[in-house]
Amino acid sequence: MSKFGEAIGQWELNIDDTDMILKPDVNDVKQVRNILVQNTKNKVNLFDKISEFMQGLIVRAYPEEDKEHIKGWVELNINTLLEEVMIAFKWQKREEIAKVKLQQEQELKKMMSDD
């Protein structure tokens, strides 16, 4: 594989005790970018669009798996998958996501203790 092809690479994910290796291509990169642009312009449901994208990517990698099972699994894990998409496409660093999640957790605990 060329050095430019390697930049797209593969995603090795472990989500909810499920190991996956996904191999996005250039069209996948374009599709995610378009999803994000449309979300900004038309206020489409980002989670629905990312869910559809991830389902397609997983079905392509694991065509023998039941599509309805994949759909359900994606829906259950959509927040984590969205984070992984952001990291994979280098739009966000894992450390930054962890920092934001920690801040949100601390704010929630504070709100709950104030009651």
N, C-alpha and C. Protein backbone atom coordinates (compact mmCIF):
# COMPACT_ATOMS: atom_id res chain seq x y z
N MET A 1 0.85 -1.19 0.00
CA MET A 1 0.00 0.00 0.00
C MET A 1 0.89 1.24 0.00
N SER A 2 0.48 2.25 -0.73
CA SER A 2 1.25 3.48 -0.80
C SER A 2 1.18 4.23 0.52
N LYS A 3 2.09 5.17 0.71
CA LYS A 3 2.07 5.94 1.95
C LYS A 3 0.80 6.76 2.08
N PHE A 4 0.19 7.14 0.95
CA PHE A 4 -1.05 7.90 1.02
C PHE A 4 -2.23 6.98 1.34
N GLY A 5 -2.19 5.76 0.82
CA GLY A 5 -3.22 4.78 1.15
C GLY A 5 -3.18 4.40 2.61
N GLU A 6 -1.99 4.35 3.17
CA GLU A 6 -1.84 4.01 4.59
C GLU A 6 -2.45 5.07 5.49
N ALA A 7 -2.53 6.29 4.99
CA ALA A 7 -3.09 7.38 5.81
C ALA A 7 -4.57 7.12 6.12
N ILE A 8 -5.26 6.47 5.19
CA ILE A 8 -6.66 6.13 5.44
C ILE A 8 -6.72 5.01 6.46
N GLY A 9 -5.88 3.99 6.26
CA GLY A 9 -5.68 2.94 7.24
C GLY A 9 -6.88 2.08 7.56
N GLN A 10 -6.85 1.54 8.76
CA GLN A 10 -7.94 0.72 9.24
C GLN A 10 -8.20 1.09 10.68
N TRP A 11 -9.42 0.86 11.11
CA TRP A 11 -9.81 1.12 12.49
C TRP A 11 -9.89 -0.19 13.21
N GLU A 12 -9.19 -0.29 14.31
CA GLU A 12 -9.32 -1.45 15.19
C GLU A 12 -10.08 -0.98 16.41
N LEU A 13 -11.31 -1.43 16.52
CA LEU A 13 -12.18 -0.96 17.59
C LEU A 13 -12.54 -2.09 18.53
N ASN A 14 -12.66 -1.75 19.81
CA ASN A 14 -13.24 -2.66 20.79
C ASN A 14 -14.29 -1.85 21.53
N ILE A 15 -15.54 -2.12 21.19
CA ILE A 15 -16.65 -1.39 21.79
C ILE A 15 -17.63 -2.40 22.34
N ASP A 16 -17.96 -2.25 23.60
CA ASP A 16 -18.94 -3.14 24.23
C ASP A 16 -18.51 -4.60 24.06
N ASP A 17 -17.23 -4.87 24.32
CA ASP A 17 -16.65 -6.21 24.20
C ASP A 17 -16.74 -6.80 22.80
N THR A 18 -16.86 -5.97 21.80
CA THR A 18 -16.90 -6.43 20.40
C THR A 18 -15.68 -5.88 19.69
N ASP A 19 -14.83 -6.78 19.20
CA ASP A 19 -13.65 -6.39 18.44
C ASP A 19 -14.00 -6.31 16.96
N MET A 20 -13.55 -5.25 16.31
CA MET A 20 -13.80 -5.07 14.88
C MET A 20 -12.58 -4.47 14.21
N ILE A 21 -12.41 -4.83 12.98
CA ILE A 21 -11.43 -4.16 12.13
C ILE A 21 -12.20 -3.63 10.93
N LEU A 22 -12.23 -2.33 10.80
CA LEU A 22 -12.94 -1.67 9.71
C LEU A 22 -11.93 -0.99 8.81
N LYS A 23 -12.21 -1.00 7.51
CA LYS A 23 -11.28 -0.42 6.54
C LYS A 23 -11.99 0.64 5.71
N PRO A 24 -12.02 1.87 6.22
CA PRO A 24 -12.66 2.94 5.46
C PRO A 24 -11.85 3.27 4.21
N ASP A 25 -12.54 3.75 3.19
CA ASP A 25 -11.84 4.18 1.98
C ASP A 25 -12.09 5.68 1.78
N VAL A 26 -11.58 6.20 0.68
CA VAL A 26 -11.69 7.64 0.42
C VAL A 26 -13.16 8.07 0.35
N ASN A 27 -14.01 7.24 -0.22
CA ASN A 27 -15.43 7.58 -0.31
C ASN A 27 -16.06 7.67 1.08
N ASP A 28 -15.59 6.85 2.02
CA ASP A 28 -16.09 6.93 3.39
C ASP A 28 -15.72 8.26 4.02
N VAL A 29 -14.51 8.70 3.76
CA VAL A 29 -14.06 9.99 4.29
C VAL A 29 -14.97 11.11 3.75
N LYS A 30 -15.24 11.06 2.45
CA LYS A 30 -16.11 12.06 1.84
C LYS A 30 -17.52 12.00 2.43
N GLN A 31 -18.02 10.77 2.62
CA GLN A 31 -19.37 10.61 3.14
C GLN A 31 -19.50 11.21 4.54
N VAL A 32 -18.53 10.95 5.40
CA VAL A 32 -18.59 11.50 6.76
C VAL A 32 -18.49 13.02 6.72
N ARG A 33 -17.61 13.53 5.89
CA ARG A 33 -17.50 14.99 5.76
C ARG A 33 -18.82 15.59 5.30
N ASN A 34 -19.47 14.96 4.32
CA ASN A 34 -20.76 15.45 3.84
C ASN A 34 -21.84 15.37 4.93
N ILE A 35 -21.82 14.31 5.73
CA ILE A 35 -22.77 14.19 6.84
C ILE A 35 -22.61 15.38 7.78
N LEU A 36 -21.38 15.71 8.11
CA LEU A 36 -21.14 16.81 9.04
C LEU A 36 -21.52 18.16 8.44
N VAL A 37 -21.24 18.36 7.14
CA VAL A 37 -21.61 19.61 6.48
C VAL A 37 -23.13 19.73 6.43
N GLN A 38 -23.82 18.65 6.06
CA GLN A 38 -25.29 18.68 6.01
C GLN A 38 -25.88 18.94 7.38
N ASN A 39 -25.27 18.37 8.41
CA ASN A 39 -25.77 18.58 9.76
C ASN A 39 -25.70 20.05 10.13
N THR A 40 -24.63 20.71 9.71
CA THR A 40 -24.47 22.12 10.01
C THR A 40 -25.48 22.96 9.23
N LYS A 41 -25.68 22.62 7.95
CA LYS A 41 -26.54 23.44 7.09
C LYS A 41 -28.02 23.12 7.27
N ASN A 42 -28.37 21.85 7.31
CA ASN A 42 -29.78 21.47 7.28
C ASN A 42 -30.31 20.92 8.59
N LYS A 43 -29.48 20.85 9.59
CA LYS A 43 -29.88 20.35 10.90
C LYS A 43 -30.44 18.92 10.84
N VAL A 44 -29.87 18.10 9.93
CA VAL A 44 -30.28 16.69 9.90
C VAL A 44 -29.82 16.04 11.18
N ASN A 45 -30.40 14.90 11.49
CA ASN A 45 -30.03 14.21 12.71
C ASN A 45 -28.67 13.55 12.54
N LEU A 46 -27.67 14.11 13.20
CA LEU A 46 -26.31 13.61 13.08
C LEU A 46 -26.20 12.15 13.51
N PHE A 47 -26.86 11.79 14.59
CA PHE A 47 -26.77 10.43 15.07
C PHE A 47 -27.35 9.44 14.06
N ASP A 48 -28.46 9.79 13.42
CA ASP A 48 -29.05 8.90 12.42
C ASP A 48 -28.11 8.71 11.24
N LYS A 49 -27.52 9.79 10.78
CA LYS A 49 -26.63 9.71 9.61
C LYS A 49 -25.35 8.95 9.94
N ILE A 50 -24.77 9.20 11.11
CA ILE A 50 -23.57 8.46 11.51
C ILE A 50 -23.93 7.00 11.72
N SER A 51 -25.11 6.73 12.26
CA SER A 51 -25.56 5.35 12.46
C SER A 51 -25.63 4.63 11.12
N GLU A 52 -26.25 5.26 10.12
CA GLU A 52 -26.34 4.65 8.79
C GLU A 52 -24.95 4.42 8.21
N PHE A 53 -24.07 5.40 8.36
CA PHE A 53 -22.71 5.28 7.85
C PHE A 53 -21.99 4.09 8.51
N MET A 54 -22.05 4.01 9.83
CA MET A 54 -21.36 2.95 10.55
C MET A 54 -21.95 1.58 10.22
N GLN A 55 -23.27 1.51 10.08
CA GLN A 55 -23.88 0.24 9.70
C GLN A 55 -23.33 -0.23 8.35
N GLY A 56 -23.24 0.68 7.39
CA GLY A 56 -22.70 0.33 6.08
C GLY A 56 -21.27 -0.13 6.14
N LEU A 57 -20.47 0.56 6.94
CA LEU A 57 -19.05 0.22 7.08
C LEU A 57 -18.89 -1.16 7.73
N ILE A 58 -19.70 -1.44 8.74
CA ILE A 58 -19.61 -2.72 9.44
C ILE A 58 -20.14 -3.85 8.54
N VAL A 59 -21.24 -3.62 7.84
CA VAL A 59 -21.78 -4.65 6.93
C VAL A 59 -20.75 -4.98 5.85
N ARG A 60 -20.06 -3.96 5.35
CA ARG A 60 -19.04 -4.20 4.33
C ARG A 60 -17.90 -5.05 4.87
N ALA A 61 -17.53 -4.81 6.14
CA ALA A 61 -16.44 -5.57 6.75
C ALA A 61 -16.88 -6.96 7.20
N TYR A 62 -18.15 -7.11 7.57
CA TYR A 62 -18.67 -8.37 8.10
C TYR A 62 -19.98 -8.73 7.40
N PRO A 63 -19.92 -9.04 6.10
CA PRO A 63 -21.15 -9.30 5.34
C PRO A 63 -21.92 -10.53 5.81
N GLU A 64 -21.27 -11.42 6.53
CA GLU A 64 -21.95 -12.63 7.01
C GLU A 64 -22.83 -12.37 8.24
N GLU A 65 -22.66 -11.23 8.87
CA GLU A 65 -23.43 -10.91 10.07
C GLU A 65 -24.84 -10.42 9.71
N ASP A 66 -25.77 -10.66 10.59
CA ASP A 66 -27.16 -10.25 10.40
C ASP A 66 -27.25 -8.72 10.44
N LYS A 67 -27.81 -8.12 9.41
CA LYS A 67 -27.88 -6.66 9.31
C LYS A 67 -28.72 -6.04 10.42
N GLU A 68 -29.77 -6.71 10.84
CA GLU A 68 -30.61 -6.18 11.92
C GLU A 68 -29.85 -6.19 13.25
N HIS A 69 -29.01 -7.20 13.45
CA HIS A 69 -28.20 -7.25 14.67
C HIS A 69 -27.17 -6.12 14.66
N ILE A 70 -26.57 -5.89 13.49
CA ILE A 70 -25.61 -4.79 13.35
C ILE A 70 -26.31 -3.46 13.64
N LYS A 71 -27.50 -3.28 13.07
CA LYS A 71 -28.24 -2.04 13.28
C LYS A 71 -28.52 -1.81 14.77
N GLY A 72 -28.97 -2.83 15.45
CA GLY A 72 -29.25 -2.71 16.88
C GLY A 72 -28.01 -2.41 17.68
N TRP A 73 -26.91 -3.08 17.35
CA TRP A 73 -25.66 -2.87 18.06
C TRP A 73 -25.16 -1.43 17.85
N VAL A 74 -25.25 -0.96 16.61
CA VAL A 74 -24.82 0.41 16.31
C VAL A 74 -25.67 1.41 17.10
N GLU A 75 -26.97 1.21 17.13
CA GLU A 75 -27.85 2.12 17.86
C GLU A 75 -27.50 2.16 19.35
N LEU A 76 -27.18 1.01 19.91
CA LEU A 76 -26.82 0.95 21.34
C LEU A 76 -25.49 1.63 21.64
N ASN A 77 -24.61 1.69 20.64
CA ASN A 77 -23.26 2.18 20.86
C ASN A 77 -22.95 3.44 20.05
N ILE A 78 -23.98 4.18 19.66
CA ILE A 78 -23.79 5.30 18.75
C ILE A 78 -22.89 6.39 19.32
N ASN A 79 -22.99 6.68 20.61
CA ASN A 79 -22.14 7.74 21.19
C ASN A 79 -20.66 7.38 21.07
N THR A 80 -20.33 6.16 21.42
CA THR A 80 -18.93 5.71 21.34
C THR A 80 -18.47 5.67 19.89
N LEU A 81 -19.33 5.21 18.99
CA LEU A 81 -18.96 5.16 17.58
C LEU A 81 -18.72 6.55 17.02
N LEU A 82 -19.54 7.52 17.41
CA LEU A 82 -19.33 8.89 16.96
C LEU A 82 -17.98 9.42 17.44
N GLU A 83 -17.65 9.13 18.69
CA GLU A 83 -16.33 9.53 19.21
C GLU A 83 -15.22 8.89 18.39
N GLU A 84 -15.36 7.60 18.08
CA GLU A 84 -14.33 6.89 17.32
C GLU A 84 -14.20 7.44 15.90
N VAL A 85 -15.30 7.84 15.28
CA VAL A 85 -15.25 8.45 13.96
C VAL A 85 -14.46 9.76 14.04
N MET A 86 -14.74 10.56 15.05
CA MET A 86 -14.05 11.84 15.21
C MET A 86 -12.55 11.63 15.40
N ILE A 87 -12.19 10.61 16.16
CA ILE A 87 -10.78 10.31 16.40
C ILE A 87 -10.13 9.75 15.14
N ALA A 88 -10.80 8.82 14.49
CA ALA A 88 -10.25 8.17 13.30
C ALA A 88 -9.97 9.17 12.17
N PHE A 89 -10.86 10.14 12.01
CA PHE A 89 -10.68 11.13 10.97
C PHE A 89 -9.85 12.33 11.44
N LYS A 90 -9.28 12.18 12.62
CA LYS A 90 -8.36 13.18 13.18
C LYS A 90 -9.03 14.54 13.39
N TRP A 91 -10.33 14.51 13.73
CA TRP A 91 -11.04 15.74 14.05
C TRP A 91 -10.99 16.04 15.53
N GLN A 92 -10.66 15.04 16.31
CA GLN A 92 -10.60 15.18 17.75
C GLN A 92 -9.58 14.18 18.28
N LYS A 93 -8.92 14.52 19.36
CA LYS A 93 -7.98 13.60 20.00
C LYS A 93 -8.69 12.88 21.14
N ARG A 94 -8.30 11.64 21.35
CA ARG A 94 -8.90 10.82 22.40
C ARG A 94 -8.79 11.52 23.76
N GLU A 95 -7.66 12.15 24.00
CA GLU A 95 -7.43 12.83 25.27
C GLU A 95 -8.42 13.99 25.47
N GLU A 96 -8.69 14.72 24.38
CA GLU A 96 -9.63 15.84 24.47
C GLU A 96 -11.04 15.35 24.78
N ILE A 97 -11.43 14.25 24.15
CA ILE A 97 -12.75 13.68 24.41
C ILE A 97 -12.84 13.22 25.86
N ALA A 98 -11.79 12.56 26.35
CA ALA A 98 -11.78 12.09 27.74
C ALA A 98 -11.89 13.27 28.71
N LYS A 99 -11.21 14.36 28.39
CA LYS A 99 -11.25 15.55 29.25
C LYS A 99 -12.66 16.13 29.31
N VAL A 100 -13.32 16.24 28.16
CA VAL A 100 -14.69 16.77 28.12
C VAL A 100 -15.64 15.85 28.88
N LYS A 101 -15.49 14.54 28.70
CA LYS A 101 -16.35 13.59 29.40
C LYS A 101 -16.17 13.69 30.92
N LEU A 102 -14.94 13.87 31.36
CA LEU A 102 -14.66 14.01 32.78
C LEU A 102 -15.31 15.27 33.33
N GLN A 103 -15.18 16.37 32.60
CA GLN A 103 -15.81 17.63 33.02
C GLN A 103 -17.33 17.48 33.11
N GLN A 104 -17.92 16.82 32.13
CA GLN A 104 -19.37 16.62 32.15
C GLN A 104 -19.79 15.75 33.32
N GLU A 105 -19.00 14.73 33.60
CA GLU A 105 -19.30 13.85 34.73
C GLU A 105 -19.23 14.62 36.05
N GLN A 106 -18.21 15.47 36.19
CA GLN A 106 -18.06 16.26 37.41
C GLN A 106 -19.22 17.24 37.57
N GLU A 107 -19.64 17.87 36.47
CA GLU A 107 -20.76 18.81 36.52
C GLU A 107 -22.05 18.08 36.91
N LEU A 108 -22.24 16.89 36.36
CA LEU A 108 -23.44 16.11 36.69
C LEU A 108 -23.44 15.71 38.15
N LYS A 109 -22.31 15.28 38.67
CA LYS A 109 -22.21 14.91 40.09
C LYS A 109 -22.49 16.11 40.97
N LYS A 110 -21.98 17.29 40.58
CA LYS A 110 -22.21 18.49 41.36
C LYS A 110 -23.69 18.86 41.35
N MET A 111 -24.33 18.75 40.21
CA MET A 111 -25.76 19.06 40.09
C MET A 111 -26.58 18.11 40.95
N MET A 112 -26.20 16.86 40.96
CA MET A 112 -26.95 15.86 41.73
C MET A 112 -26.75 16.05 43.22
N SER A 113 -25.57 16.50 43.64
CA SER A 113 -25.32 16.70 45.06
C SER A 113 -25.92 17.99 45.58
N ASP A 114 -26.19 18.94 44.69
CA ASP A 114 -26.82 20.21 45.09
C ASP A 114 -28.29 20.03 45.44
N ASP A 115 -28.90 18.97 44.99
CA ASP A 115 -30.34 18.76 45.25
C ASP A 115 -30.62 18.32 46.63
